[in-house]
PDB file of N, CA and C in Angstrom:
ATOM      1  N   MET A   1     -11.315 203.782 -96.260  1.00  0.00           N
ATOM      2  CA  MET A   1     -12.712 203.829 -96.284  1.00  0.00           C
ATOM      3  C   MET A   1     -13.121 202.264 -97.101  1.00  0.00           C
ATOM      4  N   LYS A   2     -13.105 202.175 -97.611  1.00  0.00           N
ATOM      5  CA  LYS A   2     -12.927 200.526 -98.911  1.00  0.00           C
ATOM      6  C   LYS A   2     -12.967 199.083 -96.763  1.00  0.00           C
ATOM      7  N   ILE A   3     -12.166 199.383 -96.477  1.00  0.00           N
ATOM      8  CA  ILE A   3     -11.666 198.949 -96.028  1.00  0.00           C
ATOM      9  C   ILE A   3     -12.806 198.557 -94.739  1.00  0.00           C
ATOM     10  N   ARG A   4     -13.132 199.925 -94.443  1.00  0.00           N
ATOM     11  CA  ARG A   4     -14.473 199.641 -93.341  1.00  0.00           C
ATOM     12  C   ARG A   4     -15.454 198.599 -94.210  1.00  0.00           C
ATOM     13  N   ARG A   5     -15.856 199.191 -95.648  1.00  0.00           N
ATOM     14  CA  ARG A   5     -16.863 198.740 -96.026  1.00  0.00           C
ATOM     15  C   ARG A   5     -17.205 197.621 -96.276  1.00  0.00           C
ATOM     16  N   LYS A   6     -16.002 196.912 -96.414  1.00  0.00           N
ATOM     17  CA  LYS A   6     -15.382 195.159 -96.674  1.00  0.00           C
ATOM     18  C   LYS A   6     -15.202 194.749 -95.005  1.00  0.00           C
ATOM     19  N   MET A   7     -15.405 195.603 -94.588  1.00  0.00           N
ATOM     20  CA  MET A   7     -15.195 194.771 -92.981  1.00  0.00           C
ATOM     21  C   MET A   7     -17.116 194.503 -92.806  1.00  0.00           C
ATOM     22  N   ASP A   8     -17.542 195.825 -92.655  1.00  0.00           N
ATOM     23  CA  ASP A   8     -19.000 195.521 -92.979  1.00  0.00           C
ATOM     24  C   ASP A   8     -20.053 194.554 -93.513  1.00  0.00           C
ATOM     25  N   GLU A   9     -19.788 194.467 -94.522  1.00  0.00           N
ATOM     26  CA  GLU A   9     -19.703 193.585 -95.410  1.00  0.00           C
ATOM     27  C   GLU A   9     -19.595 191.703 -94.855  1.00  0.00           C
ATOM     28  N   LEU A  10     -18.302 191.875 -94.134  1.00  0.00           N
ATOM     29  CA  LEU A  10     -17.827 190.247 -93.551  1.00  0.00           C
ATOM     30  C   LEU A  10     -19.138 190.007 -92.423  1.00  0.00           C
ATOM     31  N   LEU A  11     -19.167 191.262 -91.714  1.00  0.00           N
ATOM     32  CA  LEU A  11     -20.159 191.035 -91.061  1.00  0.00           C
ATOM     33  C   LEU A  11     -21.087 190.640 -90.702  1.00  0.00           C
ATOM     34  N   VAL A  12     -21.768 191.563 -92.117  1.00  0.00           N
ATOM     35  CA  VAL A  12     -22.896 190.969 -92.788  1.00  0.00           C
ATOM     36  C   VAL A  12     -23.028 189.451 -92.844  1.00  0.00           C
ATOM     37  N   LYS A  13     -22.708 189.168 -93.641  1.00  0.00           N
ATOM     38  CA  LYS A  13     -22.229 188.045 -94.036  1.00  0.00           C
ATOM     39  C   LYS A  13     -21.854 186.999 -93.355  1.00  0.00           C
ATOM     40  N   LEU A  14     -21.551 187.203 -92.054  1.00  0.00           N
ATOM     41  CA  LEU A  14     -21.008 186.215 -90.915  1.00  0.00           C
ATOM     42  C   LEU A  14     -22.671 186.012 -89.529  1.00  0.00           C
ATOM     43  N   LYS A  15     -22.957 187.140 -89.864  1.00  0.00           N
ATOM     44  CA  LYS A  15     -24.381 187.468 -88.971  1.00  0.00           C
ATOM     45  C   LYS A  15     -25.534 186.820 -90.419  1.00  0.00           C
ATOM     46  N   THR A  16     -25.589 186.729 -91.128  1.00  0.00           N
ATOM     47  CA  THR A  16     -26.295 186.025 -91.773  1.00  0.00           C
ATOM     48  C   THR A  16     -26.032 184.132 -91.657  1.00  0.00           C
ATOM     49  N   ARG A  17     -25.072 184.326 -91.101  1.00  0.00           N
ATOM     50  CA  ARG A  17     -24.180 182.934 -91.562  1.00  0.00           C
ATOM     51  C   ARG A  17     -24.726 181.740 -90.175  1.00  0.00           C
ATOM     52  N   LEU A  18     -24.333 182.766 -88.989  1.00  0.00           N
ATOM     53  CA  LEU A  18     -25.022 182.860 -87.916  1.00  0.00           C
ATOM     54  C   LEU A  18     -26.001 182.789 -87.785  1.00  0.00           C
ATOM     55  N   ASP A  19     -27.321 183.299 -87.935  1.00  0.00           N
ATOM     56  CA  ASP A  19     -28.458 182.776 -87.573  1.00  0.00           C
ATOM     57  C   ASP A  19     -29.257 182.122 -88.675  1.00  0.00           C
ATOM     58  N   MET A  20     -28.176 181.447 -90.125  1.00  0.00           N
ATOM     59  CA  MET A  20     -28.844 180.338 -90.199  1.00  0.00           C
ATOM     60  C   MET A  20     -28.827 179.409 -89.721  1.00  0.00           C
ATOM     61  N   ALA A  21     -27.598 178.962 -89.081  1.00  0.00           N
ATOM     62  CA  ALA A  21     -26.834 178.242 -88.193  1.00  0.00           C
ATOM     63  C   ALA A  21     -27.595 177.948 -86.961  1.00  0.00           C
ATOM     64  N   ALA A  22     -28.324 178.921 -86.315  1.00  0.00           N
ATOM     65  CA  ALA A  22     -29.086 178.920 -85.212  1.00  0.00           C
ATOM     66  C   ALA A  22     -30.136 178.338 -85.694  1.00  0.00           C
ATOM     67  N   GLU A  23     -30.776 178.524 -86.857  1.00  0.00           N
ATOM     68  CA  GLU A  23     -32.174 178.009 -87.019  1.00  0.00           C
ATOM     69  C   GLU A  23     -32.244 176.889 -87.685  1.00  0.00           C
ATOM     70  N   ALA A  24     -31.297 176.233 -87.983  1.00  0.00           N
ATOM     71  CA  ALA A  24     -30.603 174.686 -88.567  1.00  0.00           C
ATOM     72  C   ALA A  24     -30.662 174.226 -86.920  1.00  0.00           C
ATOM     73  N   LEU A  25     -30.050 174.617 -85.661  1.00  0.00           N
ATOM     74  CA  LEU A  25     -29.850 173.257 -84.814  1.00  0.00           C
ATOM     75  C   LEU A  25     -30.833 173.880 -84.119  1.00  0.00           C
ATOM     76  N   PRO A  26     -31.527 172.891 -83.161  1.00  0.00           N
ATOM     77  CA  PRO A  26     -32.355 173.217 -82.693  1.00  0.00           C
ATOM     78  C   PRO A  26     -32.238 173.433 -81.081  1.00  0.00           C
ATOM     79  N   ALA A  27     -32.808 173.587 -80.604  1.00  0.00           N
ATOM     80  CA  ALA A  27     -32.517 174.400 -79.058  1.00  0.00           C
ATOM     81  C   ALA A  27     -32.127 172.982 -78.167  1.00  0.00           C
ATOM     82  N   GLN A  28     -30.964 173.146 -78.075  1.00  0.00           N
ATOM     83  CA  GLN A  28     -30.827 172.399 -77.012  1.00  0.00           C
ATOM     84  C   GLN A  28     -29.737 172.536 -75.744  1.00  0.00           C
ATOM     85  N   PRO A  29     -30.118 172.812 -74.244  1.00  0.00           N
ATOM     86  CA  PRO A  29     -28.806 172.972 -73.511  1.00  0.00           C
ATOM     87  C   PRO A  29     -27.570 172.500 -73.896  1.00  0.00           C
ATOM     88  N   GLY A  30     -27.094 173.944 -73.998  1.00  0.00           N
ATOM     89  CA  GLY A  30     -25.057 173.862 -74.739  1.00  0.00           C
ATOM     90  C   GLY A  30     -25.498 174.619 -75.675  1.00  0.00           C
ATOM     91  N   SER A  31     -26.364 174.663 -76.034  1.00  0.00           N
ATOM     92  CA  SER A  31     -26.088 175.763 -77.298  1.00  0.00           C
ATOM     93  C   SER A  31     -25.665 177.041 -77.387  1.00  0.00           C
ATOM     94  N   GLY A  32     -25.633 177.110 -75.880  1.00  0.00           N
ATOM     95  CA  GLY A  32     -25.131 178.899 -75.712  1.00  0.00           C
ATOM     96  C   GLY A  32     -23.245 178.411 -76.130  1.00  0.00           C
ATOM     97  N   VAL A  33     -23.188 177.293 -75.555  1.00  0.00           N
ATOM     98  CA  VAL A  33     -21.546 177.252 -75.647  1.00  0.00           C
ATOM     99  C   VAL A  33     -21.314 177.550 -77.132  1.00  0.00           C
ATOM    100  N   VAL A  34     -21.885 176.609 -77.598  1.00  0.00           N
ATOM    101  CA  VAL A  34     -21.883 176.677 -79.420  1.00  0.00           C
ATOM    102  C   VAL A  34     -22.029 177.879 -80.039  1.00  0.00           C
ATOM    103  N   GLU A  35     -22.550 179.009 -79.909  1.00  0.00           N
ATOM    104  CA  GLU A  35     -22.661 180.171 -80.251  1.00  0.00           C
ATOM    105  C   GLU A  35     -21.788 181.027 -79.406  1.00  0.00           C
ATOM    106  N   LEU A  36     -21.365 181.000 -78.405  1.00  0.00           N
ATOM    107  CA  LEU A  36     -20.067 181.330 -77.829  1.00  0.00           C
ATOM    108  C   LEU A  36     -18.590 181.445 -78.954  1.00  0.00           C
ATOM    109  N   VAL A  37     -18.859 180.260 -78.545  1.00  0.00           N
ATOM    110  CA  VAL A  37     -17.372 179.225 -79.674  1.00  0.00           C
ATOM    111  C   VAL A  37     -17.663 180.106 -80.498  1.00  0.00           C
ATOM    112  N   LEU A  38     -18.727 179.846 -82.273  1.00  0.00           N
ATOM    113  CA  LEU A  38     -18.738 180.649 -83.310  1.00  0.00           C
ATOM    114  C   LEU A  38     -18.214 181.951 -82.697  1.00  0.00           C
ATOM    115  N   ILE A  39     -18.600 183.104 -82.236  1.00  0.00           N
ATOM    116  CA  ILE A  39     -18.374 184.208 -81.818  1.00  0.00           C
ATOM    117  C   ILE A  39     -17.221 184.660 -80.988  1.00  0.00           C
ATOM    118  N   ILE A  40     -16.526 183.718 -80.664  1.00  0.00           N
ATOM    119  CA  ILE A  40     -15.103 183.790 -80.454  1.00  0.00           C
ATOM    120  C   ILE A  40     -14.562 183.379 -81.710  1.00  0.00           C
ATOM    121  N   VAL A  41     -14.492 182.772 -83.086  1.00  0.00           N
ATOM    122  CA  VAL A  41     -13.674 182.295 -83.566  1.00  0.00           C
ATOM    123  C   VAL A  41     -13.560 183.217 -84.247  1.00  0.00           C
ATOM    124  N   VAL A  42     -15.153 184.041 -84.805  1.00  0.00           N
ATOM    125  CA  VAL A  42     -14.993 184.823 -85.285  1.00  0.00           C
ATOM    126  C   VAL A  42     -14.769 186.749 -85.133  1.00  0.00           C
ATOM    127  N   LEU A  43     -14.253 186.606 -84.133  1.00  0.00           N
ATOM    128  CA  LEU A  43     -13.195 188.005 -83.017  1.00  0.00           C
ATOM    129  C   LEU A  43     -12.178 187.112 -83.629  1.00  0.00           C
ATOM    130  N   ILE A  44     -11.010 186.095 -83.127  1.00  0.00           N
ATOM    131  CA  ILE A  44      -9.999 185.265 -83.532  1.00  0.00           C
ATOM    132  C   ILE A  44      -9.826 185.931 -85.141  1.00  0.00           C
ATOM    133  N   SER A  45     -11.069 185.219 -85.998  1.00  0.00           N
ATOM    134  CA  SER A  45     -10.819 185.515 -87.312  1.00  0.00           C
ATOM    135  C   SER A  45     -10.173 187.073 -87.988  1.00  0.00           C
ATOM    136  N   LEU A  46     -11.539 187.865 -87.520  1.00  0.00           N
ATOM    137  CA  LEU A  46     -11.034 189.236 -87.834  1.00  0.00           C
ATOM    138  C   LEU A  46     -10.214 190.295 -87.132  1.00  0.00           C
ATOM    139  N   VAL A  47      -9.618 188.843 -86.314  1.00  0.00           N
ATOM    140  CA  VAL A  47      -7.925 190.090 -85.254  1.00  0.00           C
ATOM    141  C   VAL A  47      -6.928 188.997 -86.577  1.00  0.00           C
ATOM    142  N   LEU A  48      -7.284 188.625 -87.016  1.00  0.00           N
ATOM    143  CA  LEU A  48      -5.875 187.948 -87.864  1.00  0.00           C
ATOM    144  C   LEU A  48      -6.522 188.190 -89.322  1.00  0.00           C
ATOM    145  N   ILE A  49      -7.104 188.528 -89.626  1.00  0.00           N
ATOM    146  CA  ILE A  49      -7.208 189.217 -90.794  1.00  0.00           C
ATOM    147  C   ILE A  49      -7.302 190.427 -90.786  1.00  0.00           C
ATOM    148  N   PHE A  50      -7.431 191.898 -90.009  1.00  0.00           N
ATOM    149  CA  PHE A  50      -6.198 192.847 -89.969  1.00  0.00           C
ATOM    150  C   PHE A  50      -5.140 192.785 -88.824  1.00  0.00           C
ATOM    151  N   LYS A  51      -4.563 192.076 -88.704  1.00  0.00           N
ATOM    152  CA  LYS A  51      -3.450 192.179 -87.979  1.00  0.00           C
ATOM    153  C   LYS A  51      -2.936 193.713 -87.338  1.00  0.00           C
ATOM    154  N   GLY A  52      -1.782 193.762 -89.014  1.00  0.00           N
ATOM    155  CA  GLY A  52      -1.897 194.522 -89.843  1.00  0.00           C
ATOM    156  C   GLY A  52      -2.094 196.451 -89.388  1.00  0.00           C
ATOM    157  N   GLN A  53      -3.122 196.294 -89.217  1.00  0.00           N
ATOM    158  CA  GLN A  53      -3.988 197.458 -89.532  1.00  0.00           C
ATOM    159  C   GLN A  53      -3.877 197.833 -87.718  1.00  0.00           C
ATOM    160  N   LEU A  54      -4.966 196.819 -86.906  1.00  0.00           N
ATOM    161  CA  LEU A  54      -4.771 196.457 -85.716  1.00  0.00           C
ATOM    162  C   LEU A  54      -3.086 197.075 -84.915  1.00  0.00           C
ATOM    163  N   THR A  55      -1.701 196.239 -85.195  1.00  0.00           N
ATOM    164  CA  THR A  55      -0.972 197.048 -84.581  1.00  0.00           C
ATOM    165  C   THR A  55      -0.626 197.620 -85.152  1.00  0.00           C
ATOM    166  N   SER A  56      -1.073 198.760 -86.170  1.00  0.00           N
ATOM    167  CA  SER A  56      -0.271 199.954 -86.527  1.00  0.00           C
ATOM    168  C   SER A  56      -1.147 200.700 -85.425  1.00  0.00           C
ATOM    169  N   LEU A  57      -2.383 200.799 -85.909  1.00  0.00           N
ATOM    170  CA  LEU A  57      -3.276 201.678 -85.082  1.00  0.00           C
ATOM    171  C   LEU A  57      -3.067 201.280 -83.186  1.00  0.00           C
ATOM    172  N   ILE A  58      -2.211 200.388 -82.447  1.00  0.00           N
ATOM    173  CA  ILE A  58      -1.901 200.298 -81.258  1.00  0.00           C
ATOM    174  C   ILE A  58      -0.438 201.300 -80.979  1.00  0.00           C
ATOM    175  N   ARG A  59       0.339 201.359 -82.277  1.00  0.00           N
ATOM    176  CA  ARG A  59       2.085 201.742 -81.791  1.00  0.00           C
ATOM    177  C   ARG A  59       1.841 203.206 -81.909  1.00  0.00           C
ATOM    178  N   THR A  60       0.481 203.325 -83.071  1.00  0.00           N
ATOM    179  CA  THR A  60       0.072 204.804 -83.079  1.00  0.00           C
ATOM    180  C   THR A  60      -0.462 205.518 -81.678  1.00  0.00           C
ATOM    181  N   ILE A  61      -1.184 205.112 -81.340  1.00  0.00           N
ATOM    182  CA  ILE A  61      -2.066 205.313 -79.562  1.00  0.00           C
ATOM    183  C   ILE A  61      -0.945 205.134 -78.613  1.00  0.00           C
ATOM    184  N   PHE A  62       0.177 203.895 -79.001  1.00  0.00           N
ATOM    185  CA  PHE A  62       1.082 204.539 -77.407  1.00  0.00           C
ATOM    186  C   PHE A  62       2.636 205.157 -77.995  1.00  0.00           C
ATOM    187  N   SER A  63       1.877 205.506 -78.759  1.00  0.00           N
ATOM    188  CA  SER A  63       3.195 206.687 -79.096  1.00  0.00           C
ATOM    189  C   SER A  63       2.549 207.865 -78.507  1.00  0.00           C
ATOM    190  N   GLN A  64       1.528 208.071 -79.395  1.00  0.00           N
ATOM    191  CA  GLN A  64       0.904 209.551 -78.588  1.00  0.00           C
ATOM    192  C   GLN A  64       1.051 209.767 -77.599  1.00  0.00           C
ATOM    193  N   ILE A  65       0.502 208.541 -76.860  1.00  0.00           N
ATOM    194  CA  ILE A  65       0.841 208.290 -74.892  1.00  0.00           C
ATOM    195  C   ILE A  65       2.375 208.781 -74.105  1.00  0.00           C
ATOM    196  N   ASP A  66       3.008 207.950 -75.152  1.00  0.00           N
ATOM    197  CA  ASP A  66       4.314 208.550 -74.800  1.00  0.00           C
ATOM    198  C   ASP A  66       4.874 209.536 -74.911  1.00  0.00           C
ATOM    199  N   SER A  67       4.494 210.452 -75.936  1.00  0.00           N
ATOM    200  CA  SER A  67       4.957 211.585 -76.101  1.00  0.00           C
ATOM    201  C   SER A  67       4.237 212.841 -75.218  1.00  0.00           C
ATOM    202  N   SER A  68       2.970 212.154 -75.167  1.00  0.00           N
ATOM    203  CA  SER A  68       1.819 213.351 -73.833  1.00  0.00           C
ATOM    204  C   SER A  68       2.353 213.044 -72.779  1.00  0.00           C
ATOM    205  N   ALA A  69       3.214 212.073 -72.392  1.00  0.00           N
ATOM    206  CA  ALA A  69       3.746 211.693 -70.715  1.00  0.00           C
ATOM    207  C   ALA A  69       5.815 212.451 -70.559  1.00  0.00           C
ATOM    208  N   THR A  70       5.397 212.571 -71.757  1.00  0.00           N
ATOM    209  CA  THR A  70       6.997 213.081 -71.439  1.00  0.00           C
ATOM    210  C   THR A  70       6.812 214.723 -71.305  1.00  0.00           C
ATOM    211  N   SER A  71       6.274 215.287 -71.881  1.00  0.00           N
ATOM    212  CA  SER A  71       5.871 216.648 -72.481  1.00  0.00           C
ATOM    213  C   SER A  71       4.904 217.183 -70.481  1.00  0.00           C
ATOM    214  N   VAL A  72       4.588 216.227 -70.253  1.00  0.00           N
ATOM    215  CA  VAL A  72       3.792 216.574 -68.489  1.00  0.00           C
ATOM    216  C   VAL A  72       4.450 215.451 -67.975  1.00  0.00           C
ATOM    217  N   PHE A  73       5.753 215.319 -67.720  1.00  0.00           N
ATOM    218  CA  PHE A  73       7.122 214.537 -66.659  1.00  0.00           C
ATOM    219  C   PHE A  73       8.292 216.147 -67.121  1.00  0.00           C
TER     220      PHE A  73
END
């Protein structure tokens, strides 16, 4: 639960900073590309920060799928 709260706080801070950056940048053609790149950077950062938890979660999910598939066959 503590990790979830920290992640929520981080996302709020990132959204606030993105909003401030969007206000500072004049609306120009191609500004959608900048926003897309920023979103990709944020997503990659989150994956790198929570890499261990994500790996553990995926291993658990595939382990459960494997055990369920074994019982079917």
